[in-house]
Amino acid sequence: MRRAAMPASVQSLPTNGHNQDVVPFGTQAALNALDLAKSVRWLHGSLA
């Protein structure tokens, strides 16, 4: 979880012939959040 905590939203890369010259990577941020939400469930299950 700690290794995956690097923000995705600051990783902007230009692409698409510089039509998309700044991008938010929101999908990667959201998928990361969902993955880590599953991990914290395991941690709470372990604690329980």
ModelCIF file with pLDDT and N, C-alpha, C, O atoms, coordinates in Angstrom:
data_MODEL
#
_entry.id   MODEL 
#
_entity.id                         1 
_entity.type                       polymer 
_entity.pdbx_number_of_molecules   1 
#
_entity_poly.entity_id                      1 
_entity_poly.type                           'polypeptide(L)' 
_entity_poly.nstd_linkage                   no 
_entity_poly.nstd_monomer                   no 
_entity_poly.pdbx_seq_one_letter_code       MRRAAMPASVQSLPTNGHNQDVVPFGTQAALNALDLAKSVRWLHGSLA 
_entity_poly.pdbx_seq_one_letter_code_can   MRRAAMPASVQSLPTNGHNQDVVPFGTQAALNALDLAKSVRWLHGSLA 
_entity_poly.pdbx_strand_id                 A 
#
loop_
_entity_poly_seq.entity_id 
_entity_poly_seq.num 
_entity_poly_seq.mon_id 
_entity_poly_seq.hetero 
1 1  MET n 
1 2  ARG n 
1 3  ARG n 
1 4  ALA n 
1 5  ALA n 
1 6  MET n 
1 7  PRO n 
1 8  ALA n 
1 9  SER n 
1 10 VAL n 
1 11 GLN n 
1 12 SER n 
1 13 LEU n 
1 14 PRO n 
1 15 THR n 
1 16 ASN n 
1 17 GLY n 
1 18 HIS n 
1 19 ASN n 
1 20 GLN n 
1 21 ASP n 
1 22 VAL n 
1 23 VAL n 
1 24 PRO n 
1 25 PHE n 
1 26 GLY n 
1 27 THR n 
1 28 GLN n 
1 29 ALA n 
1 30 ALA n 
1 31 LEU n 
1 32 ASN n 
1 33 ALA n 
1 34 LEU n 
1 35 ASP n 
1 36 LEU n 
1 37 ALA n 
1 38 LYS n 
1 39 SER n 
1 40 VAL n 
1 41 ARG n 
1 42 TRP n 
1 43 LEU n 
1 44 HIS n 
1 45 GLY n 
1 46 SER n 
1 47 LEU n 
1 48 ALA n 
#
_struct_asym.id          A 
_struct_asym.entity_id   1 
#
loop_
_ma_qa_metric.id 
_ma_qa_metric.mode 
_ma_qa_metric.name 
_ma_qa_metric.software_group_id 
_ma_qa_metric.type 
1 global pLDDT . pLDDT 
2 local  pLDDT . pLDDT 
#
_ma_qa_metric_global.metric_id      1 
_ma_qa_metric_global.metric_value   94.88 
_ma_qa_metric_global.model_id       1 
_ma_qa_metric_global.ordinal_id     1 
#
loop_
_ma_qa_metric_local.label_asym_id 
_ma_qa_metric_local.label_comp_id 
_ma_qa_metric_local.label_seq_id 
_ma_qa_metric_local.metric_id 
_ma_qa_metric_local.metric_value 
_ma_qa_metric_local.model_id 
_ma_qa_metric_local.ordinal_id 
A MET 1  2 98.00 1 1  
A ARG 2  2 97.00 1 2  
A ARG 3  2 97.00 1 3  
A ALA 4  2 96.00 1 4  
A ALA 5  2 96.00 1 5  
A MET 6  2 96.00 1 6  
A PRO 7  2 96.00 1 7  
A ALA 8  2 94.00 1 8  
A SER 9  2 94.00 1 9  
A VAL 10 2 94.00 1 10 
A GLN 11 2 92.00 1 11 
A SER 12 2 93.00 1 12 
A LEU 13 2 90.00 1 13 
A PRO 14 2 91.00 1 14 
A THR 15 2 89.00 1 15 
A ASN 16 2 88.00 1 16 
A GLY 17 2 88.00 1 17 
A HIS 18 2 87.00 1 18 
A ASN 19 2 85.00 1 19 
A GLN 20 2 87.00 1 20 
A ASP 21 2 88.00 1 21 
A VAL 22 2 93.00 1 22 
A VAL 23 2 93.00 1 23 
A PRO 24 2 94.00 1 24 
A PHE 25 2 94.00 1 25 
A GLY 26 2 95.00 1 26 
A THR 27 2 97.00 1 27 
A GLN 28 2 96.00 1 28 
A ALA 29 2 97.00 1 29 
A ALA 30 2 98.00 1 30 
A LEU 31 2 98.00 1 31 
A ASN 32 2 98.00 1 32 
A ALA 33 2 98.00 1 33 
A LEU 34 2 98.00 1 34 
A ASP 35 2 98.00 1 35 
A LEU 36 2 98.00 1 36 
A ALA 37 2 98.00 1 37 
A LYS 38 2 97.00 1 38 
A SER 39 2 98.00 1 39 
A VAL 40 2 98.00 1 40 
A ARG 41 2 98.00 1 41 
A TRP 42 2 96.00 1 42 
A LEU 43 2 98.00 1 43 
A HIS 44 2 98.00 1 44 
A GLY 45 2 98.00 1 45 
A SER 46 2 98.00 1 46 
A LEU 47 2 98.00 1 47 
A ALA 48 2 98.00 1 48 
#
loop_
_atom_site.group_PDB 
_atom_site.id 
_atom_site.type_symbol 
_atom_site.label_atom_id 
_atom_site.label_alt_id 
_atom_site.label_comp_id 
_atom_site.label_asym_id 
_atom_site.label_entity_id 
_atom_site.label_seq_id 
_atom_site.pdbx_PDB_ins_code 
_atom_site.Cartn_x 
_atom_site.Cartn_y 
_atom_site.Cartn_z 
_atom_site.occupancy 
_atom_site.B_iso_or_equiv 
_atom_site.pdbx_formal_charge 
_atom_site.auth_seq_id 
_atom_site.auth_comp_id 
_atom_site.auth_asym_id 
_atom_site.auth_atom_id 
_atom_site.pdbx_PDB_model_num 
ATOM 1   N N  . MET A 1 1  ? 0.830   -1.206  0.000   1.00 98.00 ? 1  MET A N  1 
ATOM 2   C CA . MET A 1 1  ? 0.000   0.000   0.000   1.00 98.00 ? 1  MET A CA 1 
ATOM 3   C C  . MET A 1 1  ? 0.863   1.254   0.000   1.00 98.00 ? 1  MET A C  1 
ATOM 4   O O  . MET A 1 1  ? 0.588   2.207   -0.729  1.00 98.00 ? 1  MET A O  1 
ATOM 5   N N  . ARG A 1 2  ? 1.888   1.247   0.808   1.00 97.00 ? 2  ARG A N  1 
ATOM 6   C CA . ARG A 1 2  ? 2.765   2.427   0.870   1.00 97.00 ? 2  ARG A CA 1 
ATOM 7   C C  . ARG A 1 2  ? 3.460   2.659   -0.462  1.00 97.00 ? 2  ARG A C  1 
ATOM 8   O O  . ARG A 1 2  ? 3.584   3.800   -0.909  1.00 97.00 ? 2  ARG A O  1 
ATOM 9   N N  . ARG A 1 3  ? 3.911   1.593   -1.094  1.00 97.00 ? 3  ARG A N  1 
ATOM 10  C CA . ARG A 1 3  ? 4.590   1.736   -2.386  1.00 97.00 ? 3  ARG A CA 1 
ATOM 11  C C  . ARG A 1 3  ? 3.650   2.271   -3.452  1.00 97.00 ? 3  ARG A C  1 
ATOM 12  O O  . ARG A 1 3  ? 4.077   2.964   -4.376  1.00 97.00 ? 3  ARG A O  1 
ATOM 13  N N  . ALA A 1 4  ? 2.361   1.948   -3.322  1.00 96.00 ? 4  ALA A N  1 
ATOM 14  C CA . ALA A 1 4  ? 1.377   2.371   -4.326  1.00 96.00 ? 4  ALA A CA 1 
ATOM 15  C C  . ALA A 1 4  ? 0.812   3.760   -4.051  1.00 96.00 ? 4  ALA A C  1 
ATOM 16  O O  . ALA A 1 4  ? -0.051  4.229   -4.793  1.00 96.00 ? 4  ALA A O  1 
ATOM 17  N N  . ALA A 1 5  ? 1.280   4.420   -3.007  1.00 96.00 ? 5  ALA A N  1 
ATOM 18  C CA . ALA A 1 5  ? 0.657   5.682   -2.592  1.00 96.00 ? 5  ALA A CA 1 
ATOM 19  C C  . ALA A 1 5  ? 1.137   6.898   -3.382  1.00 96.00 ? 5  ALA A C  1 
ATOM 20  O O  . ALA A 1 5  ? 0.671   8.009   -3.127  1.00 96.00 ? 5  ALA A O  1 
ATOM 21  N N  . MET A 1 6  ? 2.049   6.720   -4.327  1.00 96.00 ? 6  MET A N  1 
ATOM 22  C CA . MET A 1 6  ? 2.476   7.841   -5.169  1.00 96.00 ? 6  MET A CA 1 
ATOM 23  C C  . MET A 1 6  ? 1.287   8.393   -5.951  1.00 96.00 ? 6  MET A C  1 
ATOM 24  O O  . MET A 1 6  ? 0.600   7.629   -6.630  1.00 96.00 ? 6  MET A O  1 
ATOM 25  N N  . PRO A 1 7  ? 1.029   9.694   -5.875  1.00 96.00 ? 7  PRO A N  1 
ATOM 26  C CA . PRO A 1 7  ? -0.129  10.253  -6.589  1.00 96.00 ? 7  PRO A CA 1 
ATOM 27  C C  . PRO A 1 7  ? -0.039  10.021  -8.096  1.00 96.00 ? 7  PRO A C  1 
ATOM 28  O O  . PRO A 1 7  ? 1.019   10.199  -8.700  1.00 96.00 ? 7  PRO A O  1 
ATOM 29  N N  . ALA A 1 8  ? -1.143  9.630   -8.684  1.00 94.00 ? 8  ALA A N  1 
ATOM 30  C CA . ALA A 1 8  ? -1.210  9.478   -10.138 1.00 94.00 ? 8  ALA A CA 1 
ATOM 31  C C  . ALA A 1 8  ? -1.448  10.809  -10.828 1.00 94.00 ? 8  ALA A C  1 
ATOM 32  O O  . ALA A 1 8  ? -1.045  10.995  -11.977 1.00 94.00 ? 8  ALA A O  1 
ATOM 33  N N  . SER A 1 9  ? -2.099  11.735  -10.138 1.00 94.00 ? 9  SER A N  1 
ATOM 34  C CA . SER A 1 9  ? -2.549  12.970  -10.774 1.00 94.00 ? 9  SER A CA 1 
ATOM 35  C C  . SER A 1 9  ? -1.416  13.942  -11.081 1.00 94.00 ? 9  SER A C  1 
ATOM 36  O O  . SER A 1 9  ? -1.646  14.960  -11.733 1.00 94.00 ? 9  SER A O  1 
ATOM 37  N N  . VAL A 1 10 ? -0.207  13.654  -10.630 1.00 94.00 ? 10 VAL A N  1 
ATOM 38  C CA . VAL A 1 10 ? 0.928   14.529  -10.945 1.00 94.00 ? 10 VAL A CA 1 
ATOM 39  C C  . VAL A 1 10 ? 1.820   13.932  -12.029 1.00 94.00 ? 10 VAL A C  1 
ATOM 40  O O  . VAL A 1 10 ? 2.910   14.444  -12.286 1.00 94.00 ? 10 VAL A O  1 
ATOM 41  N N  . GLN A 1 11 ? 1.367   12.855  -12.666 1.00 92.00 ? 11 GLN A N  1 
ATOM 42  C CA . GLN A 1 11 ? 2.202   12.141  -13.638 1.00 92.00 ? 11 GLN A CA 1 
ATOM 43  C C  . GLN A 1 11 ? 1.923   12.553  -15.079 1.00 92.00 ? 11 GLN A C  1 
ATOM 44  O O  . GLN A 1 11 ? 2.188   11.772  -15.993 1.00 92.00 ? 11 GLN A O  1 
ATOM 45  N N  . SER A 1 12 ? 1.407   13.730  -15.308 1.00 93.00 ? 12 SER A N  1 
ATOM 46  C CA . SER A 1 12 ? 0.975   14.153  -16.641 1.00 93.00 ? 12 SER A CA 1 
ATOM 47  C C  . SER A 1 12 ? 2.059   13.942  -17.694 1.00 93.00 ? 12 SER A C  1 
ATOM 48  O O  . SER A 1 12 ? 3.220   14.301  -17.495 1.00 93.00 ? 12 SER A O  1 
ATOM 49  N N  . LEU A 1 13 ? 1.655   13.351  -18.821 1.00 90.00 ? 13 LEU A N  1 
ATOM 50  C CA . LEU A 1 13 ? 2.540   13.139  -19.968 1.00 90.00 ? 13 LEU A CA 1 
ATOM 51  C C  . LEU A 1 13 ? 1.822   13.608  -21.230 1.00 90.00 ? 13 LEU A C  1 
ATOM 52  O O  . LEU A 1 13 ? 0.655   13.268  -21.422 1.00 90.00 ? 13 LEU A O  1 
ATOM 53  N N  . PRO A 1 14 ? 2.474   14.371  -22.088 1.00 91.00 ? 14 PRO A N  1 
ATOM 54  C CA . PRO A 1 14 ? 1.816   14.779  -23.337 1.00 91.00 ? 14 PRO A CA 1 
ATOM 55  C C  . PRO A 1 14 ? 1.700   13.596  -24.288 1.00 91.00 ? 14 PRO A C  1 
ATOM 56  O O  . PRO A 1 14 ? 2.602   12.763  -24.367 1.00 91.00 ? 14 PRO A O  1 
ATOM 57  N N  . THR A 1 15 ? 0.582   13.527  -25.012 1.00 89.00 ? 15 THR A N  1 
ATOM 58  C CA . THR A 1 15 ? 0.351   12.422  -25.943 1.00 89.00 ? 15 THR A CA 1 
ATOM 59  C C  . THR A 1 15 ? -0.623  12.887  -27.024 1.00 89.00 ? 15 THR A C  1 
ATOM 60  O O  . THR A 1 15 ? -1.025  14.050  -27.052 1.00 89.00 ? 15 THR A O  1 
ATOM 61  N N  . ASN A 1 16 ? -0.999  11.968  -27.912 1.00 88.00 ? 16 ASN A N  1 
ATOM 62  C CA . ASN A 1 16 ? -2.033  12.246  -28.907 1.00 88.00 ? 16 ASN A CA 1 
ATOM 63  C C  . ASN A 1 16 ? -1.631  13.417  -29.805 1.00 88.00 ? 16 ASN A C  1 
ATOM 64  O O  . ASN A 1 16 ? -2.433  14.307  -30.086 1.00 88.00 ? 16 ASN A O  1 
ATOM 65  N N  . GLY A 1 17 ? -0.374  13.397  -30.248 1.00 88.00 ? 17 GLY A N  1 
ATOM 66  C CA . GLY A 1 17 ? 0.110   14.473  -31.104 1.00 88.00 ? 17 GLY A CA 1 
ATOM 67  C C  . GLY A 1 17 ? 0.054   15.823  -30.437 1.00 88.00 ? 17 GLY A C  1 
ATOM 68  O O  . GLY A 1 17 ? -0.145  16.846  -31.093 1.00 88.00 ? 17 GLY A O  1 
ATOM 69  N N  . HIS A 1 18 ? 0.231   15.825  -29.116 1.00 87.00 ? 18 HIS A N  1 
ATOM 70  C CA . HIS A 1 18 ? 0.175   17.042  -28.294 1.00 87.00 ? 18 HIS A CA 1 
ATOM 71  C C  . HIS A 1 18 ? -1.210  17.693  -28.302 1.00 87.00 ? 18 HIS A C  1 
ATOM 72  O O  . HIS A 1 18 ? -1.363  18.834  -27.866 1.00 87.00 ? 18 HIS A O  1 
ATOM 73  N N  . ASN A 1 19 ? -2.212  16.974  -28.793 1.00 85.00 ? 19 ASN A N  1 
ATOM 74  C CA . ASN A 1 19 ? -3.590  17.423  -28.575 1.00 85.00 ? 19 ASN A CA 1 
ATOM 75  C C  . ASN A 1 19 ? -3.907  17.287  -27.091 1.00 85.00 ? 19 ASN A C  1 
ATOM 76  O O  . ASN A 1 19 ? -4.440  18.211  -26.476 1.00 85.00 ? 19 ASN A O  1 
ATOM 77  N N  . GLN A 1 20 ? -3.580  16.136  -26.522 1.00 87.00 ? 20 GLN A N  1 
ATOM 78  C CA . GLN A 1 20 ? -3.698  15.943  -25.086 1.00 87.00 ? 20 GLN A CA 1 
ATOM 79  C C  . GLN A 1 20 ? -2.325  16.229  -24.467 1.00 87.00 ? 20 GLN A C  1 
ATOM 80  O O  . GLN A 1 20 ? -1.582  15.309  -24.125 1.00 87.00 ? 20 GLN A O  1 
ATOM 81  N N  . ASP A 1 21 ? -2.009  17.498  -24.332 1.00 88.00 ? 21 ASP A N  1 
ATOM 82  C CA . ASP A 1 21 ? -0.664  17.860  -23.868 1.00 88.00 ? 21 ASP A CA 1 
ATOM 83  C C  . ASP A 1 21 ? -0.569  17.941  -22.352 1.00 88.00 ? 21 ASP A C  1 
ATOM 84  O O  . ASP A 1 21 ? 0.529   18.071  -21.811 1.00 88.00 ? 21 ASP A O  1 
ATOM 85  N N  . VAL A 1 22 ? -1.702  17.865  -21.656 1.00 93.00 ? 22 VAL A N  1 
ATOM 86  C CA . VAL A 1 22 ? -1.713  17.746  -20.201 1.00 93.00 ? 22 VAL A CA 1 
ATOM 87  C C  . VAL A 1 22 ? -2.874  16.811  -19.861 1.00 93.00 ? 22 VAL A C  1 
ATOM 88  O O  . VAL A 1 22 ? -3.991  16.996  -20.345 1.00 93.00 ? 22 VAL A O  1 
ATOM 89  N N  . VAL A 1 23 ? -2.601  15.810  -19.026 1.00 93.00 ? 23 VAL A N  1 
ATOM 90  C CA . VAL A 1 23 ? -3.626  14.805  -18.711 1.00 93.00 ? 23 VAL A CA 1 
ATOM 91  C C  . VAL A 1 23 ? -3.644  14.552  -17.204 1.00 93.00 ? 23 VAL A C  1 
ATOM 92  O O  . VAL A 1 23 ? -2.613  14.680  -16.545 1.00 93.00 ? 23 VAL A O  1 
ATOM 93  N N  . PRO A 1 24 ? -4.822  14.189  -16.646 1.00 94.00 ? 24 PRO A N  1 
ATOM 94  C CA . PRO A 1 24 ? -4.937  14.045  -15.193 1.00 94.00 ? 24 PRO A CA 1 
ATOM 95  C C  . PRO A 1 24 ? -4.658  12.646  -14.653 1.00 94.00 ? 24 PRO A C  1 
ATOM 96  O O  . PRO A 1 24 ? -4.392  12.496  -13.460 1.00 94.00 ? 24 PRO A O  1 
ATOM 97  N N  . PHE A 1 25 ? -4.713  11.610  -15.508 1.00 94.00 ? 25 PHE A N  1 
ATOM 98  C CA . PHE A 1 25 ? -4.567  10.220  -15.054 1.00 94.00 ? 25 PHE A CA 1 
ATOM 99  C C  . PHE A 1 25 ? -5.554  9.885   -13.927 1.00 94.00 ? 25 PHE A C  1 
ATOM 100 O O  . PHE A 1 25 ? -5.211  9.191   -12.969 1.00 94.00 ? 25 PHE A O  1 
ATOM 101 N N  . GLY A 1 26 ? -6.775  10.387  -14.061 1.00 95.00 ? 26 GLY A N  1 
ATOM 102 C CA . GLY A 1 26 ? -7.782  10.121  -13.039 1.00 95.00 ? 26 GLY A CA 1 
ATOM 103 C C  . GLY A 1 26 ? -8.161  8.660   -12.941 1.00 95.00 ? 26 GLY A C  1 
ATOM 104 O O  . GLY A 1 26 ? -8.449  8.167   -11.851 1.00 95.00 ? 26 GLY A O  1 
ATOM 105 N N  . THR A 1 27 ? -8.167  7.956   -14.071 1.00 97.00 ? 27 THR A N  1 
ATOM 106 C CA . THR A 1 27 ? -8.541  6.543   -14.030 1.00 97.00 ? 27 THR A CA 1 
ATOM 107 C C  . THR A 1 27 ? -7.531  5.743   -13.225 1.00 97.00 ? 27 THR A C  1 
ATOM 108 O O  . THR A 1 27 ? -7.906  4.875   -12.437 1.00 97.00 ? 27 THR A O  1 
ATOM 109 N N  . GLN A 1 28 ? -6.243  6.033   -13.422 1.00 96.00 ? 28 GLN A N  1 
ATOM 110 C CA . GLN A 1 28 ? -5.224  5.325   -12.650 1.00 96.00 ? 28 GLN A CA 1 
ATOM 111 C C  . GLN A 1 28 ? -5.321  5.672   -11.172 1.00 96.00 ? 28 GLN A C  1 
ATOM 112 O O  . GLN A 1 28 ? -5.142  4.802   -10.319 1.00 96.00 ? 28 GLN A O  1 
ATOM 113 N N  . ALA A 1 29 ? -5.600  6.926   -10.861 1.00 97.00 ? 29 ALA A N  1 
ATOM 114 C CA . ALA A 1 29 ? -5.771  7.324   -9.461  1.00 97.00 ? 29 ALA A CA 1 
ATOM 115 C C  . ALA A 1 29 ? -6.945  6.574   -8.844  1.00 97.00 ? 29 ALA A C  1 
ATOM 116 O O  . ALA A 1 29 ? -6.849  6.082   -7.720  1.00 97.00 ? 29 ALA A O  1 
ATOM 117 N N  . ALA A 1 30 ? -8.053  6.487   -9.577  1.00 98.00 ? 30 ALA A N  1 
ATOM 118 C CA . ALA A 1 30 ? -9.250  5.828   -9.045  1.00 98.00 ? 30 ALA A CA 1 
ATOM 119 C C  . ALA A 1 30 ? -9.033  4.333   -8.878  1.00 98.00 ? 30 ALA A C  1 
ATOM 120 O O  . ALA A 1 30 ? -9.428  3.761   -7.862  1.00 98.00 ? 30 ALA A O  1 
ATOM 121 N N  . LEU A 1 31 ? -8.407  3.691   -9.863  1.00 98.00 ? 31 LEU A N  1 
ATOM 122 C CA . LEU A 1 31 ? -8.133  2.256   -9.744  1.00 98.00 ? 31 LEU A CA 1 
ATOM 123 C C  . LEU A 1 31 ? -7.193  1.973   -8.582  1.00 98.00 ? 31 LEU A C  1 
ATOM 124 O O  . LEU A 1 31 ? -7.353  0.977   -7.876  1.00 98.00 ? 31 LEU A O  1 
ATOM 125 N N  . ASN A 1 32 ? -6.218  2.842   -8.386  1.00 98.00 ? 32 ASN A N  1 
ATOM 126 C CA . ASN A 1 32 ? -5.306  2.684   -7.254  1.00 98.00 ? 32 ASN A CA 1 
ATOM 127 C C  . ASN A 1 32 ? -6.069  2.795   -5.935  1.00 98.00 ? 32 ASN A C  1 
ATOM 128 O O  . ASN A 1 32 ? -5.842  2.017   -5.009  1.00 98.00 ? 32 ASN A O  1 
ATOM 129 N N  . ALA A 1 33 ? -6.965  3.760   -5.862  1.00 98.00 ? 33 ALA A N  1 
ATOM 130 C CA . ALA A 1 33 ? -7.764  3.924   -4.642  1.00 98.00 ? 33 ALA A CA 1 
ATOM 131 C C  . ALA A 1 33 ? -8.615  2.690   -4.382  1.00 98.00 ? 33 ALA A C  1 
ATOM 132 O O  . ALA A 1 33 ? -8.739  2.256   -3.237  1.00 98.00 ? 33 ALA A O  1 
ATOM 133 N N  . LEU A 1 34 ? -9.202  2.118   -5.428  1.00 98.00 ? 34 LEU A N  1 
ATOM 134 C CA . LEU A 1 34 ? -10.028 0.925   -5.249  1.00 98.00 ? 34 LEU A CA 1 
ATOM 135 C C  . LEU A 1 34 ? -9.185  -0.265  -4.819  1.00 98.00 ? 34 LEU A C  1 
ATOM 136 O O  . LEU A 1 34 ? -9.597  -1.036  -3.952  1.00 98.00 ? 34 LEU A O  1 
ATOM 137 N N  . ASP A 1 35 ? -8.012  -0.421  -5.414  1.00 98.00 ? 35 ASP A N  1 
ATOM 138 C CA . ASP A 1 35 ? -7.109  -1.507  -5.014  1.00 98.00 ? 35 ASP A CA 1 
ATOM 139 C C  . ASP A 1 35 ? -6.732  -1.393  -3.540  1.00 98.00 ? 35 ASP A C  1 
ATOM 140 O O  . ASP A 1 35 ? -6.751  -2.384  -2.810  1.00 98.00 ? 35 ASP A O  1 
ATOM 141 N N  . LEU A 1 36 ? -6.392  -0.187  -3.110  1.00 98.00 ? 36 LEU A N  1 
ATOM 142 C CA . LEU A 1 36 ? -5.939  0.003   -1.731  1.00 98.00 ? 36 LEU A CA 1 
ATOM 143 C C  . LEU A 1 36 ? -7.105  -0.096  -0.749  1.00 98.00 ? 36 LEU A C  1 
ATOM 144 O O  . LEU A 1 36 ? -6.919  -0.496  0.400   1.00 98.00 ? 36 LEU A O  1 
ATOM 145 N N  . ALA A 1 37 ? -8.299  0.266   -1.200  1.00 98.00 ? 37 ALA A N  1 
ATOM 146 C CA . ALA A 1 37 ? -9.474  0.072   -0.344  1.00 98.00 ? 37 ALA A CA 1 
ATOM 147 C C  . ALA A 1 37 ? -9.692  -1.413  -0.071  1.00 98.00 ? 37 ALA A C  1 
ATOM 148 O O  . ALA A 1 37 ? -10.121 -1.789  1.019   1.00 98.00 ? 37 ALA A O  1 
ATOM 149 N N  . LYS A 1 38 ? -9.397  -2.255  -1.057  1.00 97.00 ? 38 LYS A N  1 
ATOM 150 C CA . LYS A 1 38 ? -9.484  -3.703  -0.836  1.00 97.00 ? 38 LYS A CA 1 
ATOM 151 C C  . LYS A 1 38 ? -8.409  -4.159  0.142   1.00 97.00 ? 38 LYS A C  1 
ATOM 152 O O  . LYS A 1 38 ? -8.667  -5.006  0.998   1.00 97.00 ? 38 LYS A O  1 
ATOM 153 N N  . SER A 1 39 ? -7.203  -3.601  0.022   1.00 98.00 ? 39 SER A N  1 
ATOM 154 C CA . SER A 1 39 ? -6.109  -3.997  0.907   1.00 98.00 ? 39 SER A CA 1 
ATOM 155 C C  . SER A 1 39 ? -6.402  -3.640  2.357   1.00 98.00 ? 39 SER A C  1 
ATOM 156 O O  . SER A 1 39 ? -6.097  -4.422  3.258   1.00 98.00 ? 39 SER A O  1 
ATOM 157 N N  . VAL A 1 40 ? -6.990  -2.468  2.594   1.00 98.00 ? 40 VAL A N  1 
ATOM 158 C CA . VAL A 1 40 ? -7.246  -2.088  3.981   1.00 98.00 ? 40 VAL A CA 1 
ATOM 159 C C  . VAL A 1 40 ? -8.326  -2.979  4.589   1.00 98.00 ? 40 VAL A C  1 
ATOM 160 O O  . VAL A 1 40 ? -8.354  -3.174  5.804   1.00 98.00 ? 40 VAL A O  1 
ATOM 161 N N  . ARG A 1 41 ? -9.209  -3.518  3.761   1.00 98.00 ? 41 ARG A N  1 
ATOM 162 C CA . ARG A 1 41 ? -10.173 -4.516  4.261   1.00 98.00 ? 41 ARG A CA 1 
ATOM 163 C C  . ARG A 1 41 ? -9.442  -5.737  4.806   1.00 98.00 ? 41 ARG A C  1 
ATOM 164 O O  . ARG A 1 41 ? -9.799  -6.261  5.861   1.00 98.00 ? 41 ARG A O  1 
ATOM 165 N N  . TRP A 1 42 ? -8.404  -6.194  4.073   1.00 96.00 ? 42 TRP A N  1 
ATOM 166 C CA . TRP A 1 42 ? -7.635  -7.348  4.558   1.00 96.00 ? 42 TRP A CA 1 
ATOM 167 C C  . TRP A 1 42 ? -6.949  -7.028  5.874   1.00 96.00 ? 42 TRP A C  1 
ATOM 168 O O  . TRP A 1 42 ? -6.887  -7.868  6.772   1.00 96.00 ? 42 TRP A O  1 
ATOM 169 N N  . LEU A 1 43 ? -6.434  -5.809  5.985   1.00 98.00 ? 43 LEU A N  1 
ATOM 170 C CA . LEU A 1 43 ? -5.766  -5.427  7.223   1.00 98.00 ? 43 LEU A CA 1 
ATOM 171 C C  . LEU A 1 43 ? -6.757  -5.403  8.389   1.00 98.00 ? 43 LEU A C  1 
ATOM 172 O O  . LEU A 1 43 ? -6.433  -5.860  9.485   1.00 98.00 ? 43 LEU A O  1 
ATOM 173 N N  . HIS A 1 44 ? -7.930  -4.887  8.166   1.00 98.00 ? 44 HIS A N  1 
ATOM 174 C CA . HIS A 1 44 ? -8.936  -4.899  9.227   1.00 98.00 ? 44 HIS A CA 1 
ATOM 175 C C  . HIS A 1 44 ? -9.383  -6.324  9.538   1.00 98.00 ? 44 HIS A C  1 
ATOM 176 O O  . HIS A 1 44 ? -9.629  -6.655  10.697  1.00 98.00 ? 44 HIS A O  1 
ATOM 177 N N  . GLY A 1 45 ? -9.490  -7.168  8.515   1.00 98.00 ? 45 GLY A N  1 
ATOM 178 C CA . GLY A 1 45 ? -9.800  -8.573  8.763   1.00 98.00 ? 45 GLY A CA 1 
ATOM 179 C C  . GLY A 1 45 ? -8.714  -9.250  9.576   1.00 98.00 ? 45 GLY A C  1 
ATOM 180 O O  . GLY A 1 45 ? -9.012  -10.065 10.449  1.00 98.00 ? 45 GLY A O  1 
ATOM 181 N N  . SER A 1 46 ? -7.460  -8.924  9.302   1.00 98.00 ? 46 SER A N  1 
ATOM 182 C CA . SER A 1 46 ? -6.339  -9.476  10.074  1.00 98.00 ? 46 SER A CA 1 
ATOM 183 C C  . SER A 1 46 ? -6.410  -9.027  11.527  1.00 98.00 ? 46 SER A C  1 
ATOM 184 O O  . SER A 1 46 ? -6.226  -9.829  12.442  1.00 98.00 ? 46 SER A O  1 
ATOM 185 N N  . LEU A 1 47 ? -6.678  -7.735  11.734  1.00 98.00 ? 47 LEU A N  1 
ATOM 186 C CA . LEU A 1 47 ? -6.803  -7.210  13.092  1.00 98.00 ? 47 LEU A CA 1 
ATOM 187 C C  . LEU A 1 47 ? -7.966  -7.870  13.823  1.00 98.00 ? 47 LEU A C  1 
ATOM 188 O O  . LEU A 1 47 ? -7.857  -8.183  15.009  1.00 98.00 ? 47 LEU A O  1 
ATOM 189 N N  . ALA A 1 48 ? -9.071  -8.082  13.126  1.00 98.00 ? 48 ALA A N  1 
ATOM 190 C CA . ALA A 1 48 ? -10.237 -8.711  13.753  1.00 98.00 ? 48 ALA A CA 1 
ATOM 191 C C  . ALA A 1 48 ? -9.933  -10.144 14.170  1.00 98.00 ? 48 ALA A C  1 
ATOM 192 O O  . ALA A 1 48 ? -10.801 -10.826 14.715  1.00 98.00 ? 48 ALA A O  1 
#
